[in-house]
Amino acid sequence: MILVAGSTGKVGRELVAQLAKKGALVRALVRDPAKGVALAAPGVEISRGDLGDPASLDAAMRGVERVFVLSSVDQQQAVLQGNVVQAAQRAGVRHIVKLGAAGTSLDSPITVGRLHAQTEKDIEASGIPYTFLKPALFMQFLLGHAPTIKSDGAFYMPMRDGKVPMVDLRDIAAVAATVLTSSGHEGKSYTLTGPEALAMTEAAQKLAAAIGRPVKYVDVPPDAARKAMIAQGIPAWFVEDLLKLMEVFAAGYAATVSPDVKNVTGRARTFDAFARDFAPAFKA
């Protein structure tokens, strides 16, 4: 039995679906059972629980051998995910797979980077065999820019000409599904990227080719990006995290392509493939 925490998020939903296709027994942890309805598939069991409620985690862990750890962005993330680690210890779980992010460390200037690193340290200290998955920027983040691509034929970010090896979240889920259903991944950390590093101008050209109309990337000052994200309701602390992350991308510090996705799964989707698959989302 594999417990998937964060099963109603984008990566979690895809992971549950891929595990079900593999014939694995999956227990999807959900706070709201109504959201779990969409996860229904043979071999998938829904378990109501909350990362802030250790008793609910103990119940969800019964009979579980492997755990996938993911949660929504929260300043209490290390505490919440730490609850999962402690429950896994009590249940005698044999393997934890944590989805974090590339470049995390306890002294990271990015809050989420420090939070991920703290949970990684907690997992290492637990004595439970583990695998850490550290993705770069998701290709699917551009779906959040679909409204302006539809209306203006453009998307706006402060990333200058920095190149990023974006990864398809379907490939992240594929790596997680493989690691959770096979051996030999214990004690390893995988950096998950796509097969090429692209500047946003290049991504715009590829999107344009896929949808058959011009798309341009417009570089904007960080202040303008900050105001736009605050207006969207993104918490101020996370906006600052995102701006720092985009500055890292803009400076080219995250441009290295990793072979880990292809090595684990046998394939890594290109941005062209993503653009073709999701073209309808960007068309007016």
Protein backbone atom coordinates (compact mmCIF):
# COMPACT_ATOMS: atom_id res chain seq x y z
CA MET A 1 0.00 0.00 0.00
CA ILE A 2 1.29 3.44 -1.00
CA LEU A 3 0.03 6.55 0.80
CA VAL A 4 -0.01 9.72 -1.29
CA ALA A 5 -0.12 12.94 0.75
CA GLY A 6 -1.07 15.91 -1.40
CA SER A 7 -3.15 13.72 -3.68
CA THR A 8 -5.54 16.46 -4.84
CA GLY A 9 -2.81 18.78 -6.12
CA LYS A 10 -1.63 18.77 -9.73
CA VAL A 11 1.31 16.41 -9.19
CA GLY A 12 -0.60 14.32 -6.63
CA ARG A 13 -3.55 13.70 -8.95
CA GLU A 14 -1.26 12.68 -11.78
CA LEU A 15 0.74 10.41 -9.48
CA VAL A 16 -2.36 8.63 -8.17
CA ALA A 17 -3.51 8.05 -11.75
CA GLN A 18 -0.12 6.69 -12.84
CA LEU A 19 0.16 4.41 -9.81
CA ALA A 20 -3.33 3.07 -10.47
CA LYS A 21 -2.35 2.29 -14.07
CA LYS A 22 0.60 0.32 -12.72
CA GLY A 23 -1.79 -1.75 -10.63
CA ALA A 24 -0.48 -0.42 -7.31
CA LEU A 25 -2.61 -0.21 -4.20
CA VAL A 26 -2.94 3.50 -3.41
CA ARG A 27 -4.37 5.33 -0.42
CA ALA A 28 -5.00 8.97 -1.31
CA LEU A 29 -4.94 11.30 1.69
CA VAL A 30 -7.50 14.11 1.33
CA ARG A 31 -8.81 16.79 3.65
CA ASP A 32 -12.06 17.09 1.72
CA PRO A 33 -13.55 13.74 0.63
CA ALA A 34 -15.53 15.56 -2.08
CA LYS A 35 -12.25 16.37 -3.82
CA GLY A 36 -11.25 12.73 -3.61
CA VAL A 37 -14.10 11.68 -5.90
CA ALA A 38 -12.04 12.71 -8.95
CA LEU A 39 -9.30 10.27 -7.89
CA ALA A 40 -11.54 7.20 -8.13
CA ALA A 41 -9.88 4.30 -9.95
CA PRO A 42 -9.35 0.56 -9.37
CA GLY A 43 -6.95 0.08 -6.47
CA VAL A 44 -7.36 3.65 -5.15
CA GLU A 45 -8.69 4.12 -1.63
CA ILE A 46 -9.60 7.54 -0.21
CA SER A 47 -8.55 8.36 3.33
CA ARG A 48 -9.72 11.52 5.05
CA GLY A 49 -6.91 13.20 6.93
CA ASP A 50 -5.11 16.43 7.71
CA LEU A 51 -1.36 16.99 8.01
CA GLY A 52 -2.09 19.08 11.10
CA ASP A 53 -3.93 16.17 12.76
CA PRO A 54 -1.47 13.41 13.79
CA ALA A 55 -4.29 11.05 14.79
CA SER A 56 -5.73 11.16 11.27
CA LEU A 57 -2.26 10.45 9.88
CA ASP A 58 -1.85 7.43 12.15
CA ALA A 59 -5.14 6.06 10.83
CA ALA A 60 -4.09 6.70 7.22
CA MET A 61 -0.73 4.95 7.76
CA ARG A 62 -2.21 1.59 8.80
CA GLY A 63 -0.90 -1.10 6.46
CA VAL A 64 1.13 1.41 4.44
CA GLU A 65 4.63 0.45 3.25
CA ARG A 66 5.57 3.51 1.18
CA VAL A 67 4.69 7.19 1.49
CA PHE A 68 4.81 10.08 -0.96
CA VAL A 69 5.13 13.44 0.81
CA LEU A 70 3.78 16.62 -0.75
CA SER A 71 1.71 19.48 0.60
CA SER A 72 0.49 22.87 -0.54
CA VAL A 73 2.67 25.94 0.03
CA ASP A 74 2.44 27.01 3.67
CA GLN A 75 4.76 28.76 6.11
CA GLN A 76 4.11 25.80 8.45
CA GLN A 77 5.12 23.31 5.75
CA ALA A 78 8.06 21.84 7.70
CA VAL A 79 5.84 21.19 10.73
CA LEU A 80 3.05 19.67 8.65
CA GLN A 81 5.32 17.44 6.62
CA GLY A 82 7.22 16.60 9.81
CA ASN A 83 3.94 15.20 11.16
CA VAL A 84 3.85 12.84 8.18
CA VAL A 85 7.42 11.71 8.83
CA GLN A 86 6.69 11.03 12.50
CA ALA A 87 3.53 9.09 11.64
CA ALA A 88 5.51 7.06 9.12
CA GLN A 89 8.04 6.21 11.83
CA ARG A 90 5.29 5.06 14.18
CA ALA A 91 3.76 2.91 11.43
CA GLY A 92 7.04 1.25 10.41
CA VAL A 93 6.93 2.62 6.84
CA ARG A 94 9.71 1.20 4.66
CA HIS A 95 10.26 4.05 2.17
CA ILE A 96 9.48 7.78 1.98
CA VAL A 97 9.56 9.72 -1.29
CA LYS A 98 9.53 13.49 -0.86
CA LEU A 99 8.86 16.02 -3.59
CA GLY A 100 10.86 19.17 -2.91
CA ALA A 101 12.67 21.57 -5.22
CA ALA A 102 16.07 21.98 -6.85
CA GLY A 103 18.67 23.92 -4.89
CA THR A 104 17.12 23.64 -1.43
CA SER A 105 19.25 24.21 1.67
CA LEU A 106 18.87 25.23 5.29
CA ASP A 107 20.49 28.60 4.52
CA SER A 108 18.56 29.26 1.32
CA PRO A 109 17.38 32.88 0.88
CA ILE A 110 14.09 31.38 -0.30
CA THR A 111 11.70 30.44 2.50
CA VAL A 112 10.30 27.37 0.73
CA GLY A 113 13.85 26.20 0.02
CA ARG A 114 14.61 26.24 3.75
CA LEU A 115 11.34 24.46 4.57
CA HIS A 116 12.02 21.66 2.08
CA ALA A 117 15.55 21.28 3.43
CA GLN A 118 14.26 20.99 7.00
CA THR A 119 11.89 18.17 6.06
CA GLU A 120 14.70 16.41 4.20
CA LYS A 121 16.81 16.57 7.38
CA ASP A 122 13.86 15.21 9.39
CA ILE A 123 13.49 12.31 6.97
CA GLU A 124 17.21 11.52 7.07
CA ALA A 125 17.10 11.54 10.89
CA SER A 126 14.05 9.24 10.95
CA GLY A 127 16.05 6.26 9.74
CA ILE A 128 13.44 5.46 7.09
CA PRO A 129 14.89 4.76 3.62
CA TYR A 130 14.12 7.76 1.41
CA THR A 131 14.29 9.25 -2.05
CA PHE A 132 14.24 13.01 -2.67
CA LEU A 133 12.81 14.39 -5.91
CA LYS A 134 13.95 17.92 -6.74
CA PRO A 135 12.26 19.41 -9.80
CA ALA A 136 13.11 22.58 -11.65
CA LEU A 137 10.36 24.89 -12.91
CA PHE A 138 7.22 23.05 -14.09
CA MET A 139 6.26 23.53 -17.74
CA GLN A 140 2.66 23.68 -16.51
CA PHE A 141 3.35 26.95 -14.68
CA LEU A 142 2.74 28.62 -18.05
CA LEU A 143 -0.89 27.51 -17.89
CA GLY A 144 -1.26 30.26 -15.28
CA HIS A 145 -0.34 32.73 -18.02
CA ALA A 146 -2.92 31.35 -20.46
CA PRO A 147 -5.36 34.28 -19.91
CA THR A 148 -2.89 36.91 -21.15
CA ILE A 149 -1.61 34.64 -23.91
CA LYS A 150 -5.21 34.37 -25.11
CA SER A 151 -6.02 38.08 -24.75
CA ASP A 152 -2.67 39.75 -25.53
CA GLY A 153 -0.66 37.06 -27.28
CA ALA A 154 1.92 37.60 -24.53
CA PHE A 155 3.01 36.58 -21.06
CA TYR A 156 4.88 38.71 -18.54
CA MET A 157 7.66 37.84 -16.08
CA PRO A 158 10.93 39.29 -14.72
CA MET A 159 13.21 36.53 -16.00
CA ARG A 160 15.18 38.39 -18.67
CA ASP A 161 16.96 35.88 -20.94
CA GLY A 162 17.80 33.32 -18.27
CA LYS A 163 17.49 29.73 -19.42
CA VAL A 164 15.58 27.12 -17.37
CA PRO A 165 15.29 23.36 -18.03
CA MET A 166 11.56 23.20 -17.35
CA VAL A 167 10.11 19.78 -16.54
CA ASP A 168 6.67 18.41 -17.36
CA LEU A 169 4.80 17.56 -14.16
CA ARG A 170 3.65 14.34 -15.84
CA ASP A 171 7.30 13.31 -15.88
CA ILE A 172 7.67 14.24 -12.20
CA ALA A 173 4.75 11.93 -11.42
CA ALA A 174 6.28 9.22 -13.63
CA VAL A 175 9.56 9.37 -11.69
CA ALA A 176 7.68 9.24 -8.38
CA ALA A 177 5.55 6.30 -9.56
CA THR A 178 8.64 4.39 -10.66
CA VAL A 179 10.50 5.07 -7.42
CA LEU A 180 7.47 4.04 -5.33
CA THR A 181 6.99 0.75 -7.16
CA SER A 182 10.56 -0.46 -7.64
CA SER A 183 13.76 -0.87 -5.64
CA GLY A 184 17.22 0.64 -5.97
CA HIS A 185 16.24 4.27 -5.40
CA GLU A 186 16.74 4.38 -1.65
CA GLY A 187 19.14 7.04 -0.37
CA LYS A 188 19.13 8.89 -3.69
CA SER A 189 18.29 12.45 -4.66
CA TYR A 190 17.07 13.07 -8.20
CA THR A 191 17.13 16.49 -9.87
CA LEU A 192 14.22 16.58 -12.29
CA THR A 193 14.48 18.72 -15.41
CA GLY A 194 13.39 18.60 -19.00
CA PRO A 195 15.87 17.70 -21.77
CA GLU A 196 16.67 21.31 -22.70
CA ALA A 197 17.14 24.68 -21.03
CA LEU A 198 15.05 27.44 -22.59
CA ALA A 199 14.79 31.19 -22.22
CA MET A 200 11.22 32.47 -21.99
CA THR A 201 11.57 34.02 -25.46
CA GLU A 202 12.28 30.53 -26.81
CA ALA A 203 9.34 29.08 -24.88
CA ALA A 204 7.12 31.77 -26.41
CA GLN A 205 8.25 30.81 -29.92
CA LYS A 206 7.45 27.16 -29.26
CA LEU A 207 4.03 28.02 -27.88
CA ALA A 208 3.37 30.16 -30.95
CA ALA A 209 4.26 27.25 -33.24
CA ALA A 210 1.91 24.96 -31.31
CA ILE A 211 -1.13 27.26 -31.32
CA GLY A 212 -0.61 28.83 -34.74
CA ARG A 213 -0.54 32.48 -33.65
CA PRO A 214 2.14 34.86 -32.32
CA VAL A 215 3.13 34.66 -28.67
CA LYS A 216 5.76 36.90 -27.13
CA TYR A 217 7.51 37.00 -23.79
CA VAL A 218 7.58 40.44 -22.18
CA ASP A 219 10.20 41.03 -19.51
CA VAL A 220 8.83 43.23 -16.73
CA PRO A 221 10.42 44.85 -13.66
CA PRO A 222 10.16 42.81 -10.45
CA ASP A 223 8.00 45.53 -8.90
CA ALA A 224 5.39 45.15 -11.62
CA ALA A 225 5.42 41.37 -11.19
CA ARG A 226 5.04 41.80 -7.44
CA LYS A 227 1.95 44.00 -7.82
CA ALA A 228 0.38 41.58 -10.30
CA MET A 229 0.90 38.55 -8.04
CA ILE A 230 -0.40 40.37 -4.96
CA ALA A 231 -3.48 41.35 -6.99
CA GLN A 232 -4.00 37.65 -7.78
CA GLY A 233 -4.20 36.92 -4.07
CA ILE A 234 -0.83 35.19 -3.68
CA PRO A 235 0.44 35.61 -0.08
CA ALA A 236 3.03 38.38 0.21
CA TRP A 237 5.72 36.10 1.70
CA PHE A 238 5.35 33.65 -1.19
CA VAL A 239 5.43 36.46 -3.75
CA GLU A 240 8.85 37.43 -2.39
CA ASP A 241 9.94 33.80 -2.67
CA LEU A 242 8.80 33.66 -6.29
CA LEU A 243 10.62 36.88 -7.15
CA LYS A 244 13.85 35.57 -5.61
CA LEU A 245 13.44 32.33 -7.53
CA MET A 246 12.88 34.19 -10.80
CA GLU A 247 16.00 36.22 -10.12
CA VAL A 248 17.93 32.94 -9.81
CA PHE A 249 16.46 31.84 -13.16
CA ALA A 250 17.14 35.24 -14.75
CA ALA A 251 20.80 35.05 -13.74
CA GLY A 252 21.16 31.64 -15.41
CA TYR A 253 22.04 29.82 -12.17
CA ALA A 254 19.48 27.05 -12.78
CA ALA A 255 20.24 26.27 -16.43
CA THR A 256 21.86 22.85 -15.95
CA VAL A 257 20.01 19.94 -17.55
CA SER A 258 19.84 16.74 -15.50
CA PRO A 259 19.51 13.23 -17.03
CA ASP A 260 17.64 11.87 -14.01
CA VAL A 261 14.13 11.88 -15.48
CA LYS A 262 15.22 9.90 -18.53
CA ASN A 263 17.46 7.61 -16.49
CA VAL A 264 14.61 6.66 -14.14
CA THR A 265 11.69 6.49 -16.57
CA GLY A 266 13.30 6.05 -20.00
CA ARG A 267 11.95 9.33 -21.39
CA ALA A 268 11.75 13.06 -20.72
CA ARG A 269 9.12 15.18 -22.46
CA THR A 270 10.29 18.17 -24.48
CA PHE A 271 8.71 21.60 -24.22
CA ASP A 272 7.49 21.15 -27.80
CA ALA A 273 5.53 18.08 -26.68
CA PHE A 274 4.05 20.01 -23.74
CA ALA A 275 3.07 22.89 -26.04
CA ARG A 276 1.33 20.54 -28.48
CA ASP A 277 -0.50 18.65 -25.73
CA PHE A 278 -1.77 21.79 -24.00
CA ALA A 279 -2.26 23.99 -27.08
CA PRO A 280 -6.06 24.21 -26.57
CA ALA A 281 -5.51 25.88 -23.17
CA PHE A 282 -3.63 28.75 -24.84
CA LYS A 283 -5.97 29.32 -27.78
CA ALA A 284 -8.44 32.17 -27.70
